[in-house]
């Protein structure tokens, strides 16, 4: 970000917001795991032969959640850049064709 011209001070000011949003996303995914996979496992009585699957799920949830988050973020970032560009240029969002 510094190479893009963003001052270091601005980056440090933004970091708490970034971490707060990351915490919120992590809670969404952990709650999803808890209310589905873990709940089924717990309701089955925590069977010993089910632990390897729980382990695999926990090992895979971070990279898979990360991929989904990056895809959603790219889409959101594109939309937000477009909206701000219209605002900064004094244009109505429907006056310029969308870059999609």
PDB file of N, CA and C in Angstrom:
ATOM      1  N   UNK A   1       0.818  -1.185   0.000  1.00  0.00           N
ATOM      2  CA  UNK A   1       0.000   0.000   0.000  1.00  0.00           C
ATOM      3  C   UNK A   1       0.866   1.254   0.000  1.00  0.00           C
ATOM      4  N   UNK A   2       1.998   1.191   0.667  1.00  0.00           N
ATOM      5  CA  UNK A   2       2.899   2.348   0.693  1.00  0.00           C
ATOM      6  C   UNK A   2       3.373   2.664  -0.724  1.00  0.00           C
ATOM      7  N   UNK A   3       3.705   1.620  -1.511  1.00  0.00           N
ATOM      8  CA  UNK A   3       4.145   1.839  -2.893  1.00  0.00           C
ATOM      9  C   UNK A   3       3.047   2.442  -3.760  1.00  0.00           C
ATOM     10  N   UNK A   4       1.801   2.297  -3.328  1.00  0.00           N
ATOM     11  CA  UNK A   4       0.680   2.877  -4.068  1.00  0.00           C
ATOM     12  C   UNK A   4       0.409   4.321  -3.643  1.00  0.00           C
ATOM     13  N   UNK A   5       1.173   4.793  -2.668  1.00  0.00           N
ATOM     14  CA  UNK A   5       1.029   6.184  -2.239  1.00  0.00           C
ATOM     15  C   UNK A   5       0.238   6.392  -0.971  1.00  0.00           C
ATOM     16  N   UNK A   6      -0.129   5.315  -0.305  1.00  0.00           N
ATOM     17  CA  UNK A   6      -0.873   5.443   0.943  1.00  0.00           C
ATOM     18  C   UNK A   6       0.117   5.674   2.080  1.00  0.00           C
ATOM     19  N   UNK A   7      -0.053   6.748   2.850  1.00  0.00           N
ATOM     20  CA  UNK A   7       0.875   7.023   3.949  1.00  0.00           C
ATOM     21  C   UNK A   7       0.826   5.927   5.023  1.00  0.00           C
ATOM     22  N   UNK A   8       1.970   5.645   5.597  1.00  0.00           N
ATOM     23  CA  UNK A   8       2.084   4.631   6.636  1.00  0.00           C
ATOM     24  C   UNK A   8       1.118   4.922   7.788  1.00  0.00           C
ATOM     25  N   UNK A   9       0.991   6.176   8.168  1.00  0.00           N
ATOM     26  CA  UNK A   9       0.084   6.550   9.259  1.00  0.00           C
ATOM     27  C   UNK A   9      -1.361   6.153   8.943  1.00  0.00           C
ATOM     28  N   UNK A  10      -1.780   6.358   7.706  1.00  0.00           N
ATOM     29  CA  UNK A  10      -3.139   5.989   7.302  1.00  0.00           C
ATOM     30  C   UNK A  10      -3.334   4.476   7.365  1.00  0.00           C
ATOM     31  N   UNK A  11      -2.301   3.731   7.008  1.00  0.00           N
ATOM     32  CA  UNK A  11      -2.373   2.272   7.081  1.00  0.00           C
ATOM     33  C   UNK A  11      -2.529   1.830   8.528  1.00  0.00           C
ATOM     34  N   UNK A  12      -1.734   2.403   9.419  1.00  0.00           N
ATOM     35  CA  UNK A  12      -1.837   2.048  10.837  1.00  0.00           C
ATOM     36  C   UNK A  12      -3.197   2.416  11.416  1.00  0.00           C
ATOM     37  N   UNK A  13      -3.786   3.498  10.954  1.00  0.00           N
ATOM     38  CA  UNK A  13      -5.118   3.892  11.427  1.00  0.00           C
ATOM     39  C   UNK A  13      -6.191   2.928  10.926  1.00  0.00           C
ATOM     40  N   UNK A  14      -5.986   2.357   9.744  1.00  0.00           N
ATOM     41  CA  UNK A  14      -6.955   1.448   9.150  1.00  0.00           C
ATOM     42  C   UNK A  14      -6.902   0.045   9.746  1.00  0.00           C
ATOM     43  N   UNK A  15      -5.752  -0.370  10.239  1.00  0.00           N
ATOM     44  CA  UNK A  15      -5.570  -1.750  10.686  1.00  0.00           C
ATOM     45  C   UNK A  15      -6.574  -2.222  11.741  1.00  0.00           C
ATOM     46  N   UNK A  16      -6.895  -1.426  12.762  1.00  0.00           N
ATOM     47  CA  UNK A  16      -7.897  -1.917  13.721  1.00  0.00           C
ATOM     48  C   UNK A  16      -9.248  -2.232  13.065  1.00  0.00           C
ATOM     49  N   UNK A  17      -9.661  -1.434  12.094  1.00  0.00           N
ATOM     50  CA  UNK A  17     -10.911  -1.718  11.379  1.00  0.00           C
ATOM     51  C   UNK A  17     -10.784  -3.025  10.603  1.00  0.00           C
ATOM     52  N   UNK A  18      -9.650  -3.211   9.945  1.00  0.00           N
ATOM     53  CA  UNK A  18      -9.424  -4.430   9.176  1.00  0.00           C
ATOM     54  C   UNK A  18      -9.491  -5.655  10.084  1.00  0.00           C
ATOM     55  N   UNK A  19      -8.811  -5.595  11.216  1.00  0.00           N
ATOM     56  CA  UNK A  19      -8.815  -6.725  12.143  1.00  0.00           C
ATOM     57  C   UNK A  19     -10.207  -6.974  12.711  1.00  0.00           C
ATOM     58  N   UNK A  20     -10.946  -5.916  12.967  1.00  0.00           N
ATOM     59  CA  UNK A  20     -12.307  -6.055  13.479  1.00  0.00           C
ATOM     60  C   UNK A  20     -13.201  -6.768  12.467  1.00  0.00           C
ATOM     61  N   UNK A  21     -13.082  -6.392  11.207  1.00  0.00           N
ATOM     62  CA  UNK A  21     -13.874  -7.042  10.160  1.00  0.00           C
ATOM     63  C   UNK A  21     -13.428  -8.492   9.977  1.00  0.00           C
ATOM     64  N   UNK A  22     -12.132  -8.742  10.059  1.00  0.00           N
ATOM     65  CA  UNK A  22     -11.627 -10.113   9.942  1.00  0.00           C
ATOM     66  C   UNK A  22     -12.158 -10.970  11.094  1.00  0.00           C
ATOM     67  N   UNK A  23     -12.198 -10.412  12.290  1.00  0.00           N
ATOM     68  CA  UNK A  23     -12.764 -11.136  13.434  1.00  0.00           C
ATOM     69  C   UNK A  23     -14.223 -11.484  13.183  1.00  0.00           C
ATOM     70  N   UNK A  24     -14.981 -10.544  12.632  1.00  0.00           N
ATOM     71  CA  UNK A  24     -16.403 -10.773  12.369  1.00  0.00           C
ATOM     72  C   UNK A  24     -16.595 -11.892  11.339  1.00  0.00           C
ATOM     73  N   UNK A  25     -15.783 -11.883  10.292  1.00  0.00           N
ATOM     74  CA  UNK A  25     -15.883 -12.928   9.267  1.00  0.00           C
ATOM     75  C   UNK A  25     -15.505 -14.286   9.863  1.00  0.00           C
ATOM     76  N   UNK A  26     -14.463 -14.319  10.656  1.00  0.00           N
ATOM     77  CA  UNK A  26     -14.053 -15.575  11.293  1.00  0.00           C
ATOM     78  C   UNK A  26     -15.181 -16.122  12.169  1.00  0.00           C
ATOM     79  N   UNK A  27     -15.850 -15.260  12.896  1.00  0.00           N
ATOM     80  CA  UNK A  27     -16.956 -15.696  13.758  1.00  0.00           C
ATOM     81  C   UNK A  27     -18.092 -16.289  12.923  1.00  0.00           C
ATOM     82  N   UNK A  28     -18.363 -15.715  11.757  1.00  0.00           N
ATOM     83  CA  UNK A  28     -19.405 -16.240  10.872  1.00  0.00           C
ATOM     84  C   UNK A  28     -19.055 -17.668  10.451  1.00  0.00           C
ATOM     85  N   UNK A  29     -17.812 -17.887  10.031  1.00  0.00           N
ATOM     86  CA  UNK A  29     -17.410 -19.219   9.590  1.00  0.00           C
ATOM     87  C   UNK A  29     -17.362 -20.224  10.738  1.00  0.00           C
ATOM     88  N   UNK A  30     -16.872 -19.807  11.886  1.00  0.00           N
ATOM     89  CA  UNK A  30     -16.811 -20.729  13.022  1.00  0.00           C
ATOM     90  C   UNK A  30     -18.225 -21.090  13.478  1.00  0.00           C
ATOM     91  N   UNK A  31     -19.120 -20.119  13.465  1.00  0.00           N
ATOM     92  CA  UNK A  31     -20.504 -20.410  13.842  1.00  0.00           C
ATOM     93  C   UNK A  31     -21.157 -21.335  12.828  1.00  0.00           C
ATOM     94  N   UNK A  32     -20.838 -21.161  11.546  1.00  0.00           N
ATOM     95  CA  UNK A  32     -21.353 -22.070  10.520  1.00  0.00           C
ATOM     96  C   UNK A  32     -20.875 -23.498  10.790  1.00  0.00           C
ATOM     97  N   UNK A  33     -19.595 -23.654  11.079  1.00  0.00           N
ATOM     98  CA  UNK A  33     -19.042 -24.973  11.415  1.00  0.00           C
ATOM     99  C   UNK A  33     -19.743 -25.531  12.653  1.00  0.00           C
ATOM    100  N   UNK A  34     -19.858 -24.700  13.670  1.00  0.00           N
ATOM    101  CA  UNK A  34     -20.437 -25.136  14.940  1.00  0.00           C
ATOM    102  C   UNK A  34     -21.896 -25.567  14.796  1.00  0.00           C
ATOM    103  N   UNK A  35     -22.656 -24.815  14.022  1.00  0.00           N
ATOM    104  CA  UNK A  35     -24.089 -25.099  13.905  1.00  0.00           C
ATOM    105  C   UNK A  35     -24.407 -26.216  12.921  1.00  0.00           C
ATOM    106  N   UNK A  36     -23.428 -26.654  12.155  1.00  0.00           N
ATOM    107  CA  UNK A  36     -23.676 -27.726  11.192  1.00  0.00           C
ATOM    108  C   UNK A  36     -22.819 -28.950  11.508  1.00  0.00           C
ATOM    109  N   UNK A  37     -21.576 -28.914  11.109  1.00  0.00           N
ATOM    110  CA  UNK A  37     -20.691 -30.084  11.245  1.00  0.00           C
ATOM    111  C   UNK A  37     -20.540 -30.499  12.703  1.00  0.00           C
ATOM    112  N   UNK A  38     -20.204 -29.548  13.562  1.00  0.00           N
ATOM    113  CA  UNK A  38     -19.995 -29.894  14.971  1.00  0.00           C
ATOM    114  C   UNK A  38     -21.295 -30.350  15.625  1.00  0.00           C
ATOM    115  N   UNK A  39     -22.399 -29.663  15.322  1.00  0.00           N
ATOM    116  CA  UNK A  39     -23.687 -30.024  15.929  1.00  0.00           C
ATOM    117  C   UNK A  39     -24.050 -31.451  15.570  1.00  0.00           C
ATOM    118  N   UNK A  40     -23.871 -31.847  14.296  1.00  0.00           N
ATOM    119  CA  UNK A  40     -24.175 -33.222  13.886  1.00  0.00           C
ATOM    120  C   UNK A  40     -23.287 -34.223  14.616  1.00  0.00           C
ATOM    121  N   UNK A  41     -22.024 -33.871  14.744  1.00  0.00           N
ATOM    122  CA  UNK A  41     -21.065 -34.740  15.443  1.00  0.00           C
ATOM    123  C   UNK A  41     -21.438 -34.859  16.921  1.00  0.00           C
ATOM    124  N   UNK A  42     -21.749 -33.755  17.535  1.00  0.00           N
ATOM    125  CA  UNK A  42     -22.130 -33.763  18.957  1.00  0.00           C
ATOM    126  C   UNK A  42     -23.438 -34.525  19.167  1.00  0.00           C
ATOM    127  N   UNK A  43     -24.405 -34.289  18.276  1.00  0.00           N
ATOM    128  CA  UNK A  43     -25.692 -34.990  18.385  1.00  0.00           C
ATOM    129  C   UNK A  43     -25.533 -36.489  18.212  1.00  0.00           C
ATOM    130  N   UNK A  44     -24.495 -36.904  17.480  1.00  0.00           N
ATOM    131  CA  UNK A  44     -24.215 -38.336  17.296  1.00  0.00           C
ATOM    132  C   UNK A  44     -23.458 -38.917  18.485  1.00  0.00           C
ATOM    133  N   UNK A  45     -23.177 -38.085  19.496  1.00  0.00           N
ATOM    134  CA  UNK A  45     -22.495 -38.568  20.702  1.00  0.00           C
ATOM    135  C   UNK A  45     -20.984 -38.500  20.645  1.00  0.00           C
ATOM    136  N   UNK A  46     -20.427 -37.660  19.777  1.00  0.00           N
ATOM    137  CA  UNK A  46     -18.981 -37.508  19.628  1.00  0.00           C
ATOM    138  C   UNK A  46     -18.302 -38.859  19.374  1.00  0.00           C
ATOM    139  N   UNK A  47     -18.739 -39.569  18.351  1.00  0.00           N
ATOM    140  CA  UNK A  47     -18.179 -40.902  18.108  1.00  0.00           C
ATOM    141  C   UNK A  47     -16.679 -40.845  17.813  1.00  0.00           C
ATOM    142  N   UNK A  48     -15.927 -41.744  18.420  1.00  0.00           N
ATOM    143  CA  UNK A  48     -14.469 -41.728  18.246  1.00  0.00           C
ATOM    144  C   UNK A  48     -14.033 -41.805  16.779  1.00  0.00           C
ATOM    145  N   UNK A  49     -14.765 -42.531  15.958  1.00  0.00           N
ATOM    146  CA  UNK A  49     -14.363 -42.644  14.554  1.00  0.00           C
ATOM    147  C   UNK A  49     -14.690 -41.380  13.747  1.00  0.00           C
ATOM    148  N   UNK A  50     -15.380 -40.424  14.351  1.00  0.00           N
ATOM    149  CA  UNK A  50     -15.705 -39.180  13.668  1.00  0.00           C
ATOM    150  C   UNK A  50     -14.667 -38.088  13.842  1.00  0.00           C
ATOM    151  N   UNK A  51     -13.768 -38.262  14.810  1.00  0.00           N
ATOM    152  CA  UNK A  51     -12.764 -37.227  15.073  1.00  0.00           C
ATOM    153  C   UNK A  51     -11.855 -36.924  13.880  1.00  0.00           C
ATOM    154  N   UNK A  52     -11.408 -37.934  13.110  1.00  0.00           N
ATOM    155  CA  UNK A  52     -10.567 -37.601  11.953  1.00  0.00           C
ATOM    156  C   UNK A  52     -11.272 -36.657  10.964  1.00  0.00           C
ATOM    157  N   UNK A  53     -12.583 -36.847  10.769  1.00  0.00           N
ATOM    158  CA  UNK A  53     -13.319 -35.974   9.853  1.00  0.00           C
ATOM    159  C   UNK A  53     -13.427 -34.560  10.429  1.00  0.00           C
ATOM    160  N   UNK A  54     -13.621 -34.453  11.717  1.00  0.00           N
ATOM    161  CA  UNK A  54     -13.645 -33.133  12.365  1.00  0.00           C
ATOM    162  C   UNK A  54     -12.293 -32.457  12.168  1.00  0.00           C
ATOM    163  N   UNK A  55     -11.211 -33.207  12.357  1.00  0.00           N
ATOM    164  CA  UNK A  55      -9.860 -32.679  12.177  1.00  0.00           C
ATOM    165  C   UNK A  55      -9.649 -32.189  10.751  1.00  0.00           C
ATOM    166  N   UNK A  56     -10.068 -32.992   9.766  1.00  0.00           N
ATOM    167  CA  UNK A  56      -9.922 -32.605   8.353  1.00  0.00           C
ATOM    168  C   UNK A  56     -10.735 -31.347   8.050  1.00  0.00           C
ATOM    169  N   UNK A  57     -11.929 -31.285   8.586  1.00  0.00           N
ATOM    170  CA  UNK A  57     -12.780 -30.118   8.353  1.00  0.00           C
ATOM    171  C   UNK A  57     -12.125 -28.867   8.923  1.00  0.00           C
ATOM    172  N   UNK A  58     -11.604 -28.965  10.130  1.00  0.00           N
ATOM    173  CA  UNK A  58     -10.947 -27.808  10.752  1.00  0.00           C
ATOM    174  C   UNK A  58      -9.691 -27.400   9.982  1.00  0.00           C
ATOM    175  N   UNK A  59      -8.963 -28.362   9.445  1.00  0.00           N
ATOM    176  CA  UNK A  59      -7.765 -28.046   8.662  1.00  0.00           C
ATOM    177  C   UNK A  59      -8.110 -27.373   7.339  1.00  0.00           C
ATOM    178  N   UNK A  60      -9.269 -27.695   6.786  1.00  0.00           N
ATOM    179  CA  UNK A  60      -9.664 -27.167   5.481  1.00  0.00           C
ATOM    180  C   UNK A  60     -10.491 -25.891   5.549  1.00  0.00           C
ATOM    181  N   UNK A  61     -11.077 -25.616   6.688  1.00  0.00           N
ATOM    182  CA  UNK A  61     -12.004 -24.486   6.753  1.00  0.00           C
ATOM    183  C   UNK A  61     -11.286 -23.149   6.537  1.00  0.00           C
ATOM    184  N   UNK A  62     -10.072 -23.002   7.037  1.00  0.00           N
ATOM    185  CA  UNK A  62      -9.374 -21.715   6.891  1.00  0.00           C
ATOM    186  C   UNK A  62      -9.042 -21.428   5.424  1.00  0.00           C
ATOM    187  N   UNK A  63      -8.393 -22.346   4.698  1.00  0.00           N
ATOM    188  CA  UNK A  63      -8.110 -22.016   3.298  1.00  0.00           C
ATOM    189  C   UNK A  63      -9.369 -21.862   2.449  1.00  0.00           C
ATOM    190  N   UNK A  64     -10.390 -22.685   2.679  1.00  0.00           N
ATOM    191  CA  UNK A  64     -11.606 -22.569   1.884  1.00  0.00           C
ATOM    192  C   UNK A  64     -12.361 -21.280   2.204  1.00  0.00           C
ATOM    193  N   UNK A  65     -12.427 -20.938   3.475  1.00  0.00           N
ATOM    194  CA  UNK A  65     -13.072 -19.678   3.863  1.00  0.00           C
ATOM    195  C   UNK A  65     -12.283 -18.500   3.299  1.00  0.00           C
ATOM    196  N   UNK A  66     -10.974 -18.607   3.306  1.00  0.00           N
ATOM    197  CA  UNK A  66     -10.135 -17.545   2.752  1.00  0.00           C
ATOM    198  C   UNK A  66     -10.388 -17.338   1.268  1.00  0.00           C
ATOM    199  N   UNK A  67     -10.520 -18.428   0.527  1.00  0.00           N
ATOM    200  CA  UNK A  67     -10.799 -18.324  -0.910  1.00  0.00           C
ATOM    201  C   UNK A  67     -12.151 -17.661  -1.156  1.00  0.00           C
ATOM    202  N   UNK A  68     -13.159 -18.059  -0.398  1.00  0.00           N
ATOM    203  CA  UNK A  68     -14.489 -17.461  -0.549  1.00  0.00           C
ATOM    204  C   UNK A  68     -14.450 -15.980  -0.181  1.00  0.00           C
ATOM    205  N   UNK A  69     -13.718 -15.653   0.873  1.00  0.00           N
ATOM    206  CA  UNK A  69     -13.619 -14.261   1.303  1.00  0.00           C
ATOM    207  C   UNK A  69     -12.916 -13.406   0.260  1.00  0.00           C
ATOM    208  N   UNK A  70     -11.847 -13.911  -0.322  1.00  0.00           N
ATOM    209  CA  UNK A  70     -11.128 -13.156  -1.357  1.00  0.00           C
ATOM    210  C   UNK A  70     -12.045 -12.921  -2.559  1.00  0.00           C
ATOM    211  N   UNK A  71     -12.797 -13.929  -2.969  1.00  0.00           N
ATOM    212  CA  UNK A  71     -13.705 -13.770  -4.107  1.00  0.00           C
ATOM    213  C   UNK A  71     -14.770 -12.723  -3.792  1.00  0.00           C
ATOM    214  N   UNK A  72     -15.360 -12.795  -2.612  1.00  0.00           N
ATOM    215  CA  UNK A  72     -16.382 -11.819  -2.217  1.00  0.00           C
ATOM    216  C   UNK A  72     -15.777 -10.424  -2.101  1.00  0.00           C
ATOM    217  N   UNK A  73     -14.563 -10.348  -1.578  1.00  0.00           N
ATOM    218  CA  UNK A  73     -13.897  -9.057  -1.417  1.00  0.00           C
ATOM    219  C   UNK A  73     -13.601  -8.415  -2.772  1.00  0.00           C
ATOM    220  N   UNK A  74     -13.130  -9.194  -3.712  1.00  0.00           N
ATOM    221  CA  UNK A  74     -12.830  -8.647  -5.047  1.00  0.00           C
ATOM    222  C   UNK A  74     -14.086  -8.043  -5.669  1.00  0.00           C
ATOM    223  N   UNK A  75     -15.181  -8.752  -5.538  1.00  0.00           N
ATOM    224  CA  UNK A  75     -16.452  -8.265  -6.076  1.00  0.00           C
ATOM    225  C   UNK A  75     -16.874  -6.975  -5.369  1.00  0.00           C
ATOM    226  N   UNK A  76     -16.798  -6.980  -4.057  1.00  0.00           N
ATOM    227  CA  UNK A  76     -17.186  -5.793  -3.276  1.00  0.00           C
ATOM    228  C   UNK A  76     -16.262  -4.619  -3.559  1.00  0.00           C
ATOM    229  N   UNK A  77     -14.975  -4.889  -3.677  1.00  0.00           N
ATOM    230  CA  UNK A  77     -14.007  -3.827  -3.947  1.00  0.00           C
ATOM    231  C   UNK A  77     -14.264  -3.194  -5.309  1.00  0.00           C
ATOM    232  N   UNK A  78     -14.552  -3.994  -6.307  1.00  0.00           N
ATOM    233  CA  UNK A  78     -14.863  -3.476  -7.630  1.00  0.00           C
ATOM    234  C   UNK A  78     -16.086  -2.570  -7.601  1.00  0.00           C
ATOM    235  N   UNK A  79     -17.128  -3.010  -6.912  1.00  0.00           N
ATOM    236  CA  UNK A  79     -18.344  -2.185  -6.797  1.00  0.00           C
ATOM    237  C   UNK A  79     -18.052  -0.881  -6.070  1.00  0.00           C
ATOM    238  N   UNK A  80     -17.313  -0.968  -4.972  1.00  0.00           N
ATOM    239  CA  UNK A  80     -17.032   0.230  -4.162  1.00  0.00           C
ATOM    240  C   UNK A  80     -16.162   1.227  -4.929  1.00  0.00           C
ATOM    241  N   UNK A  81     -15.175   0.741  -5.651  1.00  0.00           N
ATOM    242  CA  UNK A  81     -14.328   1.626  -6.460  1.00  0.00           C
ATOM    243  C   UNK A  81     -15.178   2.346  -7.497  1.00  0.00           C
ATOM    244  N   UNK A  82     -16.075   1.605  -8.126  1.00  0.00           N
ATOM    245  CA  UNK A  82     -16.942   2.200  -9.139  1.00  0.00           C
ATOM    246  C   UNK A  82     -17.828   3.294  -8.530  1.00  0.00           C
ATOM    247  N   UNK A  83     -18.432   3.031  -7.389  1.00  0.00           N
ATOM    248  CA  UNK A  83     -19.301   4.012  -6.730  1.00  0.00           C
ATOM    249  C   UNK A  83     -18.516   5.264  -6.364  1.00  0.00           C
ATOM    250  N   UNK A  84     -17.344   5.087  -5.771  1.00  0.00           N
ATOM    251  CA  UNK A  84     -16.534   6.239  -5.360  1.00  0.00           C
ATOM    252  C   UNK A  84     -16.036   7.015  -6.574  1.00  0.00           C
ATOM    253  N   UNK A  85     -15.679   6.309  -7.635  1.00  0.00           N
ATOM    254  CA  UNK A  85     -15.237   6.996  -8.856  1.00  0.00           C
ATOM    255  C   UNK A  85     -16.353   7.887  -9.386  1.00  0.00           C
ATOM    256  N   UNK A  86     -17.580   7.382  -9.415  1.00  0.00           N
ATOM    257  CA  UNK A  86     -18.714   8.202  -9.857  1.00  0.00           C
ATOM    258  C   UNK A  86     -18.870   9.425  -8.967  1.00  0.00           C
ATOM    259  N   UNK A  87     -18.804   9.203  -7.659  1.00  0.00           N
ATOM    260  CA  UNK A  87     -18.947  10.321  -6.714  1.00  0.00           C
ATOM    261  C   UNK A  87     -17.873  11.374  -6.933  1.00  0.00           C
ATOM    262  N   UNK A  88     -16.629  10.926  -7.051  1.00  0.00           N
ATOM    263  CA  UNK A  88     -15.517  11.863  -7.208  1.00  0.00           C
ATOM    264  C   UNK A  88     -15.583  12.627  -8.530  1.00  0.00           C
ATOM    265  N   UNK A  89     -16.153  12.006  -9.545  1.00  0.00           N
ATOM    266  CA  UNK A  89     -16.279  12.664 -10.845  1.00  0.00           C
ATOM    267  C   UNK A  89     -17.571  13.455 -10.971  1.00  0.00           C
ATOM    268  N   UNK A  90     -18.403  13.378  -9.923  1.00  0.00           N
ATOM    269  CA  UNK A  90     -19.667  14.102  -9.942  1.00  0.00           C
ATOM    270  C   UNK A  90     -20.666  13.503 -10.923  1.00  0.00           C
ATOM    271  N   UNK A  91     -20.587  12.222 -11.134  1.00  0.00           N
ATOM    272  CA  UNK A  91     -21.465  11.545 -12.089  1.00  0.00           C
ATOM    273  C   UNK A  91     -22.483  10.693 -11.368  1.00  0.00           C
ATOM    274  N   UNK A  92     -23.639  10.538 -11.948  1.00  0.00           N
ATOM    275  CA  UNK A  92     -24.621   9.599 -11.426  1.00  0.00           C
ATOM    276  C   UNK A  92     -24.179   8.189 -11.808  1.00  0.00           C
ATOM    277  N   UNK A  93     -24.306   7.225 -10.905  1.00  0.00           N
ATOM    278  CA  UNK A  93     -23.848   5.862 -11.204  1.00  0.00           C
ATOM    279  C   UNK A  93     -24.428   5.273 -12.486  1.00  0.00           C
ATOM    280  N   UNK A  94     -25.614   5.694 -12.891  1.00  0.00           N
ATOM    281  CA  UNK A  94     -26.208   5.121 -14.097  1.00  0.00           C
ATOM    282  C   UNK A  94     -25.834   5.882 -15.369  1.00  0.00           C
ATOM    283  N   UNK A  95     -24.975   6.921 -15.232  1.00  0.00           N
ATOM    284  CA  UNK A  95     -24.596   7.711 -16.403  1.00  0.00           C
ATOM    285  C   UNK A  95     -23.395   7.147 -17.147  1.00  0.00           C
ATOM    286  N   UNK A  96     -22.699   6.223 -16.539  1.00  0.00           N
ATOM    287  CA  UNK A  96     -21.512   5.629 -17.148  1.00  0.00           C
ATOM    288  C   UNK A  96     -21.737   4.114 -17.175  1.00  0.00           C
ATOM    289  N   UNK A  97     -21.419   3.461 -18.285  1.00  0.00           N
ATOM    290  CA  UNK A  97     -21.596   2.008 -18.327  1.00  0.00           C
ATOM    291  C   UNK A  97     -20.734   1.316 -17.271  1.00  0.00           C
ATOM    292  N   UNK A  98     -21.290   0.313 -16.636  1.00  0.00           N
ATOM    293  CA  UNK A  98     -20.578  -0.437 -15.603  1.00  0.00           C
ATOM    294  C   UNK A  98     -19.433  -1.221 -16.214  1.00  0.00           C
ATOM    295  N   UNK A  99     -18.340  -1.310 -15.432  1.00  0.00           N
ATOM    296  CA  UNK A  99     -17.199  -2.125 -15.876  1.00  0.00           C
ATOM    297  C   UNK A  99     -17.437  -3.579 -15.503  1.00  0.00           C
ATOM    298  N   UNK A 100     -18.530  -3.810 -14.753  1.00  0.00           N
ATOM    299  CA  UNK A 100     -18.971  -5.162 -14.453  1.00  0.00           C
ATOM    300  C   UNK A 100     -18.214  -5.840 -13.413  1.00  0.00           C
TER     301      UNK A 100
END
